[in-house]
Amino acid sequence: MYIHSTITETPGVPKAEEMIRLLVEGQEAVVSTARSVFPSADRVNDEATADLLTQRMQVHEDCVDAQKSFGRVKVSRCEDDA
């Protein structure tokens, strides 16, 4: 089985500020991946996939904004949909 991820697991338990930084990096990686796949869905007129990618990008971008703005923040949309 081949598994590929740009997000690596962090050993141990990082401090709170490091956790936030890692969360932001992970959210940004998801947005970047979705954005890179979007042109393929668009090229073959796969509207369902394009819609899903658009929704995922929006959720993860919202989470990044919240995490960057407040450091630690509880955003139900991020927790429920991610």
PDB file of N, CA and C in Angstrom:
ATOM      1  N   MET A   1       0.848  -1.179   0.000  1.00  0.00           N
ATOM      2  CA  MET A   1       0.000   0.000   0.000  1.00  0.00           C
ATOM      3  C   MET A   1       0.892   1.240   0.000  1.00  0.00           C
ATOM      4  N   TYR A   2       0.602   2.174  -0.864  1.00  0.00           N
ATOM      5  CA  TYR A   2       1.351   3.417  -0.976  1.00  0.00           C
ATOM      6  C   TYR A   2       0.565   4.541  -0.335  1.00  0.00           C
ATOM      7  N   ILE A   3       1.187   5.184   0.625  1.00  0.00           N
ATOM      8  CA  ILE A   3       0.554   6.326   1.279  1.00  0.00           C
ATOM      9  C   ILE A   3       1.499   7.509   1.157  1.00  0.00           C
ATOM     10  N   HIS A   4       0.965   8.604   0.689  1.00  0.00           N
ATOM     11  CA  HIS A   4       1.782   9.804   0.519  1.00  0.00           C
ATOM     12  C   HIS A   4       1.135  10.960   1.265  1.00  0.00           C
ATOM     13  N   SER A   5       1.924  11.629   2.073  1.00  0.00           N
ATOM     14  CA  SER A   5       1.414  12.790   2.795  1.00  0.00           C
ATOM     15  C   SER A   5       2.500  13.837   2.881  1.00  0.00           C
ATOM     16  N   THR A   6       2.111  15.081   2.734  1.00  0.00           N
ATOM     17  CA  THR A   6       3.065  16.170   2.917  1.00  0.00           C
ATOM     18  C   THR A   6       3.094  16.621   4.369  1.00  0.00           C
ATOM     19  N   ILE A   7       2.189  16.092   5.179  1.00  0.00           N
ATOM     20  CA  ILE A   7       2.125  16.434   6.600  1.00  0.00           C
ATOM     21  C   ILE A   7       2.791  15.314   7.374  1.00  0.00           C
ATOM     22  N   THR A   8       3.823  15.657   8.133  1.00  0.00           N
ATOM     23  CA  THR A   8       4.544  14.648   8.894  1.00  0.00           C
ATOM     24  C   THR A   8       4.073  14.635  10.347  1.00  0.00           C
ATOM     25  N   GLU A   9       4.204  13.482  10.961  1.00  0.00           N
ATOM     26  CA  GLU A   9       3.820  13.348  12.363  1.00  0.00           C
ATOM     27  C   GLU A   9       4.921  13.941  13.230  1.00  0.00           C
ATOM     28  N   THR A  10       4.513  14.632  14.273  1.00  0.00           N
ATOM     29  CA  THR A  10       5.456  15.260  15.189  1.00  0.00           C
ATOM     30  C   THR A  10       5.685  14.337  16.377  1.00  0.00           C
ATOM     31  N   PRO A  11       6.940  14.037  16.663  1.00  0.00           N
ATOM     32  CA  PRO A  11       7.200  13.175  17.817  1.00  0.00           C
ATOM     33  C   PRO A  11       6.945  13.929  19.126  1.00  0.00           C
ATOM     34  N   GLY A  12       6.493  13.199  20.118  1.00  0.00           N
ATOM     35  CA  GLY A  12       6.275  13.807  21.424  1.00  0.00           C
ATOM     36  C   GLY A  12       5.078  14.734  21.428  1.00  0.00           C
ATOM     37  N   VAL A  13       5.047  15.583  22.430  1.00  0.00           N
ATOM     38  CA  VAL A  13       3.965  16.554  22.581  1.00  0.00           C
ATOM     39  C   VAL A  13       4.576  17.951  22.529  1.00  0.00           C
ATOM     40  N   PRO A  14       4.359  18.655  21.429  1.00  0.00           N
ATOM     41  CA  PRO A  14       4.929  19.999  21.314  1.00  0.00           C
ATOM     42  C   PRO A  14       4.225  20.985  22.247  1.00  0.00           C
ATOM     43  N   LYS A  15       4.891  22.085  22.502  1.00  0.00           N
ATOM     44  CA  LYS A  15       4.287  23.155  23.297  1.00  0.00           C
ATOM     45  C   LYS A  15       3.132  23.770  22.512  1.00  0.00           C
ATOM     46  N   ALA A  16       2.265  24.469  23.215  1.00  0.00           N
ATOM     47  CA  ALA A  16       1.031  25.012  22.622  1.00  0.00           C
ATOM     48  C   ALA A  16       1.303  25.854  21.377  1.00  0.00           C
ATOM     49  N   GLU A  17       2.272  26.756  21.446  1.00  0.00           N
ATOM     50  CA  GLU A  17       2.542  27.615  20.288  1.00  0.00           C
ATOM     51  C   GLU A  17       3.029  26.805  19.087  1.00  0.00           C
ATOM     52  N   GLU A  18       3.812  25.768  19.372  1.00  0.00           N
ATOM     53  CA  GLU A  18       4.284  24.894  18.296  1.00  0.00           C
ATOM     54  C   GLU A  18       3.110  24.108  17.708  1.00  0.00           C
ATOM     55  N   MET A  19       2.177  23.691  18.555  1.00  0.00           N
ATOM     56  CA  MET A  19       0.989  22.980  18.062  1.00  0.00           C
ATOM     57  C   MET A  19       0.197  23.859  17.107  1.00  0.00           C
ATOM     58  N   ILE A  20       0.031  25.120  17.466  1.00  0.00           N
ATOM     59  CA  ILE A  20      -0.707  26.050  16.598  1.00  0.00           C
ATOM     60  C   ILE A  20       0.012  26.202  15.266  1.00  0.00           C
ATOM     61  N   ARG A  21       1.335  26.346  15.320  1.00  0.00           N
ATOM     62  CA  ARG A  21       2.113  26.482  14.087  1.00  0.00           C
ATOM     63  C   ARG A  21       1.942  25.239  13.216  1.00  0.00           C
ATOM     64  N   LEU A  22       1.974  24.070  13.834  1.00  0.00           N
ATOM     65  CA  LEU A  22       1.804  22.817  13.086  1.00  0.00           C
ATOM     66  C   LEU A  22       0.397  22.704  12.505  1.00  0.00           C
ATOM     67  N   LEU A  23      -0.610  23.144  13.270  1.00  0.00           N
ATOM     68  CA  LEU A  23      -1.978  23.143  12.751  1.00  0.00           C
ATOM     69  C   LEU A  23      -2.096  24.030  11.517  1.00  0.00           C
ATOM     70  N   VAL A  24      -1.516  25.225  11.598  1.00  0.00           N
ATOM     71  CA  VAL A  24      -1.564  26.155  10.464  1.00  0.00           C
ATOM     72  C   VAL A  24      -0.872  25.533   9.257  1.00  0.00           C
ATOM     73  N   GLU A  25       0.297  24.938   9.472  1.00  0.00           N
ATOM     74  CA  GLU A  25       1.005  24.308   8.353  1.00  0.00           C
ATOM     75  C   GLU A  25       0.184  23.184   7.739  1.00  0.00           C
ATOM     76  N   GLY A  26      -0.466  22.387   8.574  1.00  0.00           N
ATOM     77  CA  GLY A  26      -1.293  21.294   8.079  1.00  0.00           C
ATOM     78  C   GLY A  26      -2.489  21.789   7.290  1.00  0.00           C
ATOM     79  N   GLN A  27      -3.151  22.815   7.819  1.00  0.00           N
ATOM     80  CA  GLN A  27      -4.301  23.394   7.112  1.00  0.00           C
ATOM     81  C   GLN A  27      -3.865  23.959   5.762  1.00  0.00           C
ATOM     82  N   GLU A  28      -2.716  24.648   5.760  1.00  0.00           N
ATOM     83  CA  GLU A  28      -2.212  25.227   4.511  1.00  0.00           C
ATOM     84  C   GLU A  28      -1.841  24.135   3.504  1.00  0.00           C
ATOM     85  N   ALA A  29      -1.328  23.012   3.997  1.00  0.00           N
ATOM     86  CA  ALA A  29      -0.983  21.896   3.109  1.00  0.00           C
ATOM     87  C   ALA A  29      -2.245  21.322   2.449  1.00  0.00           C
ATOM     88  N   VAL A  30      -3.323  21.213   3.223  1.00  0.00           N
ATOM     89  CA  VAL A  30      -4.586  20.707   2.664  1.00  0.00           C
ATOM     90  C   VAL A  30      -5.103  21.655   1.583  1.00  0.00           C
ATOM     91  N   VAL A  31      -5.051  22.958   1.859  1.00  0.00           N
ATOM     92  CA  VAL A  31      -5.503  23.951   0.873  1.00  0.00           C
ATOM     93  C   VAL A  31      -4.649  23.859  -0.394  1.00  0.00           C
ATOM     94  N   SER A  32      -3.344  23.752  -0.214  1.00  0.00           N
ATOM     95  CA  SER A  32      -2.443  23.671  -1.363  1.00  0.00           C
ATOM     96  C   SER A  32      -2.729  22.430  -2.216  1.00  0.00           C
ATOM     97  N   THR A  33      -2.956  21.304  -1.563  1.00  0.00           N
ATOM     98  CA  THR A  33      -3.257  20.071  -2.289  1.00  0.00           C
ATOM     99  C   THR A  33      -4.582  20.190  -3.042  1.00  0.00           C
ATOM    100  N   ALA A  34      -5.602  20.700  -2.359  1.00  0.00           N
ATOM    101  CA  ALA A  34      -6.909  20.863  -3.012  1.00  0.00           C
ATOM    102  C   ALA A  34      -6.800  21.805  -4.201  1.00  0.00           C
ATOM    103  N   ARG A  35      -6.045  22.885  -4.030  1.00  0.00           N
ATOM    104  CA  ARG A  35      -5.878  23.857  -5.110  1.00  0.00           C
ATOM    105  C   ARG A  35      -5.141  23.232  -6.300  1.00  0.00           C
ATOM    106  N   SER A  36      -4.197  22.333  -6.035  1.00  0.00           N
ATOM    107  CA  SER A  36      -3.437  21.716  -7.126  1.00  0.00           C
ATOM    108  C   SER A  36      -4.279  20.686  -7.889  1.00  0.00           C
ATOM    109  N   VAL A  37      -5.278  20.098  -7.244  1.00  0.00           N
ATOM    110  CA  VAL A  37      -6.138  19.100  -7.874  1.00  0.00           C
ATOM    111  C   VAL A  37      -7.284  19.760  -8.651  1.00  0.00           C
ATOM    112  N   PHE A  38      -7.662  20.947  -8.221  1.00  0.00           N
ATOM    113  CA  PHE A  38      -8.821  21.623  -8.802  1.00  0.00           C
ATOM    114  C   PHE A  38      -8.784  21.722 -10.330  1.00  0.00           C
ATOM    115  N   PRO A  39      -7.663  22.116 -10.950  1.00  0.00           N
ATOM    116  CA  PRO A  39      -7.650  22.224 -12.411  1.00  0.00           C
ATOM    117  C   PRO A  39      -7.996  20.909 -13.121  1.00  0.00           C
ATOM    118  N   SER A  40      -7.615  19.773 -12.551  1.00  0.00           N
ATOM    119  CA  SER A  40      -7.949  18.477 -13.167  1.00  0.00           C
ATOM    120  C   SER A  40      -9.451  18.243 -13.146  1.00  0.00           C
ATOM    121  N   ALA A  41     -10.084  18.545 -12.012  1.00  0.00           N
ATOM    122  CA  ALA A  41     -11.537  18.386 -11.922  1.00  0.00           C
ATOM    123  C   ALA A  41     -12.242  19.336 -12.881  1.00  0.00           C
ATOM    124  N   ASP A  42     -11.736  20.538 -12.972  1.00  0.00           N
ATOM    125  CA  ASP A  42     -12.331  21.537 -13.851  1.00  0.00           C
ATOM    126  C   ASP A  42     -12.179  21.139 -15.323  1.00  0.00           C
ATOM    127  N   ARG A  43     -11.016  20.618 -15.669  1.00  0.00           N
ATOM    128  CA  ARG A  43     -10.728  20.244 -17.058  1.00  0.00           C
ATOM    129  C   ARG A  43     -11.688  19.169 -17.567  1.00  0.00           C
ATOM    130  N   VAL A  44     -12.099  18.253 -16.697  1.00  0.00           N
ATOM    131  CA  VAL A  44     -13.000  17.174 -17.129  1.00  0.00           C
ATOM    132  C   VAL A  44     -14.452  17.452 -16.729  1.00  0.00           C
ATOM    133  N   ASN A  45     -14.726  18.699 -16.348  1.00  0.00           N
ATOM    134  CA  ASN A  45     -16.086  19.125 -15.976  1.00  0.00           C
ATOM    135  C   ASN A  45     -16.691  18.293 -14.846  1.00  0.00           C
ATOM    136  N   ASP A  46     -15.859  17.924 -13.877  1.00  0.00           N
ATOM    137  CA  ASP A  46     -16.321  17.170 -12.709  1.00  0.00           C
ATOM    138  C   ASP A  46     -16.779  18.183 -11.653  1.00  0.00           C
ATOM    139  N   GLU A  47     -18.013  18.603 -11.786  1.00  0.00           N
ATOM    140  CA  GLU A  47     -18.547  19.652 -10.926  1.00  0.00           C
ATOM    141  C   GLU A  47     -18.650  19.229  -9.467  1.00  0.00           C
ATOM    142  N   ALA A  48     -18.959  17.972  -9.215  1.00  0.00           N
ATOM    143  CA  ALA A  48     -19.069  17.505  -7.828  1.00  0.00           C
ATOM    144  C   ALA A  48     -17.720  17.595  -7.110  1.00  0.00           C
ATOM    145  N   THR A  49     -16.674  17.147  -7.783  1.00  0.00           N
ATOM    146  CA  THR A  49     -15.338  17.213  -7.185  1.00  0.00           C
ATOM    147  C   THR A  49     -14.883  18.660  -7.045  1.00  0.00           C
ATOM    148  N   ALA A  50     -15.130  19.473  -8.046  1.00  0.00           N
ATOM    149  CA  ALA A  50     -14.759  20.886  -7.972  1.00  0.00           C
ATOM    150  C   ALA A  50     -15.474  21.570  -6.808  1.00  0.00           C
ATOM    151  N   ASP A  51     -16.746  21.252  -6.619  1.00  0.00           N
ATOM    152  CA  ASP A  51     -17.507  21.825  -5.508  1.00  0.00           C
ATOM    153  C   ASP A  51     -16.942  21.367  -4.169  1.00  0.00           C
ATOM    154  N   LEU A  52     -16.647  20.082  -4.044  1.00  0.00           N
ATOM    155  CA  LEU A  52     -16.068  19.553  -2.815  1.00  0.00           C
ATOM    156  C   LEU A  52     -14.730  20.227  -2.514  1.00  0.00           C
ATOM    157  N   LEU A  53     -13.877  20.349  -3.520  1.00  0.00           N
ATOM    158  CA  LEU A  53     -12.577  20.993  -3.333  1.00  0.00           C
ATOM    159  C   LEU A  53     -12.740  22.448  -2.898  1.00  0.00           C
ATOM    160  N   THR A  54     -13.680  23.149  -3.519  1.00  0.00           N
ATOM    161  CA  THR A  54     -13.929  24.542  -3.160  1.00  0.00           C
ATOM    162  C   THR A  54     -14.369  24.649  -1.710  1.00  0.00           C
ATOM    163  N   GLN A  55     -15.271  23.768  -1.290  1.00  0.00           N
ATOM    164  CA  GLN A  55     -15.733  23.782   0.100  1.00  0.00           C
ATOM    165  C   GLN A  55     -14.600  23.474   1.071  1.00  0.00           C
ATOM    166  N   ARG A  56     -13.784  22.471   0.754  1.00  0.00           N
ATOM    167  CA  ARG A  56     -12.669  22.105   1.641  1.00  0.00           C
ATOM    168  C   ARG A  56     -11.671  23.251   1.737  1.00  0.00           C
ATOM    169  N   MET A  57     -11.367  23.875   0.603  1.00  0.00           N
ATOM    170  CA  MET A  57     -10.418  24.993   0.637  1.00  0.00           C
ATOM    171  C   MET A  57     -10.949  26.102   1.538  1.00  0.00           C
ATOM    172  N   GLN A  58     -12.234  26.404   1.427  1.00  0.00           N
ATOM    173  CA  GLN A  58     -12.824  27.473   2.229  1.00  0.00           C
ATOM    174  C   GLN A  58     -12.752  27.147   3.723  1.00  0.00           C
ATOM    175  N   VAL A  59     -13.103  25.931   4.080  1.00  0.00           N
ATOM    176  CA  VAL A  59     -13.060  25.530   5.497  1.00  0.00           C
ATOM    177  C   VAL A  59     -11.647  25.652   6.045  1.00  0.00           C
ATOM    178  N   HIS A  60     -10.678  25.119   5.316  1.00  0.00           N
ATOM    179  CA  HIS A  60      -9.304  25.127   5.807  1.00  0.00           C
ATOM    180  C   HIS A  60      -8.704  26.530   5.782  1.00  0.00           C
ATOM    181  N   GLU A  61      -9.061  27.351   4.802  1.00  0.00           N
ATOM    182  CA  GLU A  61      -8.602  28.743   4.795  1.00  0.00           C
ATOM    183  C   GLU A  61      -9.185  29.503   5.983  1.00  0.00           C
ATOM    184  N   ASP A  62     -10.457  29.260   6.312  1.00  0.00           N
ATOM    185  CA  ASP A  62     -11.070  29.892   7.478  1.00  0.00           C
ATOM    186  C   ASP A  62     -10.336  29.493   8.759  1.00  0.00           C
ATOM    187  N   CYS A  63      -9.993  28.229   8.859  1.00  0.00           N
ATOM    188  CA  CYS A  63      -9.268  27.750  10.035  1.00  0.00           C
ATOM    189  C   CYS A  63      -7.891  28.397  10.143  1.00  0.00           C
ATOM    190  N   VAL A  64      -7.189  28.493   9.030  1.00  0.00           N
ATOM    191  CA  VAL A  64      -5.873  29.136   9.028  1.00  0.00           C
ATOM    192  C   VAL A  64      -6.000  30.584   9.489  1.00  0.00           C
ATOM    193  N   ASP A  65      -6.974  31.301   8.945  1.00  0.00           N
ATOM    194  CA  ASP A  65      -7.165  32.699   9.341  1.00  0.00           C
ATOM    195  C   ASP A  65      -7.418  32.817  10.838  1.00  0.00           C
ATOM    196  N   ALA A  66      -8.275  31.958  11.354  1.00  0.00           N
ATOM    197  CA  ALA A  66      -8.604  32.002  12.782  1.00  0.00           C
ATOM    198  C   ALA A  66      -7.380  31.665  13.622  1.00  0.00           C
ATOM    199  N   GLN A  67      -6.660  30.632  13.242  1.00  0.00           N
ATOM    200  CA  GLN A  67      -5.494  30.217  14.017  1.00  0.00           C
ATOM    201  C   GLN A  67      -4.390  31.257  13.974  1.00  0.00           C
ATOM    202  N   LYS A  68      -4.193  31.901  12.839  1.00  0.00           N
ATOM    203  CA  LYS A  68      -3.180  32.943  12.742  1.00  0.00           C
ATOM    204  C   LYS A  68      -3.588  34.193  13.517  1.00  0.00           C
ATOM    205  N   SER A  69      -4.877  34.511  13.502  1.00  0.00           N
ATOM    206  CA  SER A  69      -5.351  35.732  14.155  1.00  0.00           C
ATOM    207  C   SER A  69      -5.322  35.650  15.671  1.00  0.00           C
ATOM    208  N   PHE A  70      -5.697  34.502  16.187  1.00  0.00           N
ATOM    209  CA  PHE A  70      -5.881  34.395  17.620  1.00  0.00           C
ATOM    210  C   PHE A  70      -4.920  33.446  18.308  1.00  0.00           C
ATOM    211  N   GLY A  71      -4.070  32.792  17.558  1.00  0.00           N
ATOM    212  CA  GLY A  71      -3.170  31.834  18.187  1.00  0.00           C
ATOM    213  C   GLY A  71      -3.921  30.583  18.563  1.00  0.00           C
ATOM    214  N   ARG A  72      -4.731  30.672  19.586  1.00  0.00           N
ATOM    215  CA  ARG A  72      -5.579  29.548  19.983  1.00  0.00           C
ATOM    216  C   ARG A  72      -7.012  29.997  19.858  1.00  0.00           C
ATOM    217  N   VAL A  73      -7.787  29.254  19.108  1.00  0.00           N
ATOM    218  CA  VAL A  73      -9.174  29.648  18.901  1.00  0.00           C
ATOM    219  C   VAL A  73     -10.016  28.399  18.689  1.00  0.00           C
ATOM    220  N   LYS A  74     -11.211  28.436  19.171  1.00  0.00           N
ATOM    221  CA  LYS A  74     -12.140  27.330  18.947  1.00  0.00           C
ATOM    222  C   LYS A  74     -13.112  27.770  17.875  1.00  0.00           C
ATOM    223  N   VAL A  75     -12.977  27.175  16.697  1.00  0.00           N
ATOM    224  CA  VAL A  75     -13.842  27.501  15.579  1.00  0.00           C
ATOM    225  C   VAL A  75     -14.617  26.240  15.236  1.00  0.00           C
ATOM    226  N   SER A  76     -15.908  26.236  15.529  1.00  0.00           N
ATOM    227  CA  SER A  76     -16.690  25.015  15.358  1.00  0.00           C
ATOM    228  C   SER A  76     -16.660  24.520  13.923  1.00  0.00           C
ATOM    229  N   ARG A  77     -16.637  25.397  12.948  1.00  0.00           N
ATOM    230  CA  ARG A  77     -16.623  24.965  11.549  1.00  0.00           C
ATOM    231  C   ARG A  77     -15.365  24.141  11.268  1.00  0.00           C
ATOM    232  N   CYS A  78     -14.236  24.549  11.832  1.00  0.00           N
ATOM    233  CA  CYS A  78     -12.991  23.812  11.628  1.00  0.00           C
ATOM    234  C   CYS A  78     -13.065  22.440  12.280  1.00  0.00           C
ATOM    235  N   GLU A  79     -13.593  22.382  13.489  1.00  0.00           N
ATOM    236  CA  GLU A  79     -13.630  21.131  14.225  1.00  0.00           C
ATOM    237  C   GLU A  79     -14.654  20.171  13.645  1.00  0.00           C
ATOM    238  N   ASP A  80     -15.790  20.662  13.214  1.00  0.00           N
ATOM    239  CA  ASP A  80     -16.847  19.794  12.706  1.00  0.00           C
ATOM    240  C   ASP A  80     -16.554  19.266  11.316  1.00  0.00           C
ATOM    241  N   ASP A  81     -15.951  20.069  10.459  1.00  0.00           N
ATOM    242  CA  ASP A  81     -15.808  19.712   9.046  1.00  0.00           C
ATOM    243  C   ASP A  81     -14.438  19.180   8.659  1.00  0.00           C
ATOM    244  N   ALA A  82     -13.443  19.418   9.440  1.00  0.00           N
ATOM    245  CA  ALA A  82     -12.077  19.043   9.044  1.00  0.00           C
ATOM    246  C   ALA A  82     -11.840  17.566   9.117  1.00  0.00           C
TER     247      ALA A  82
END
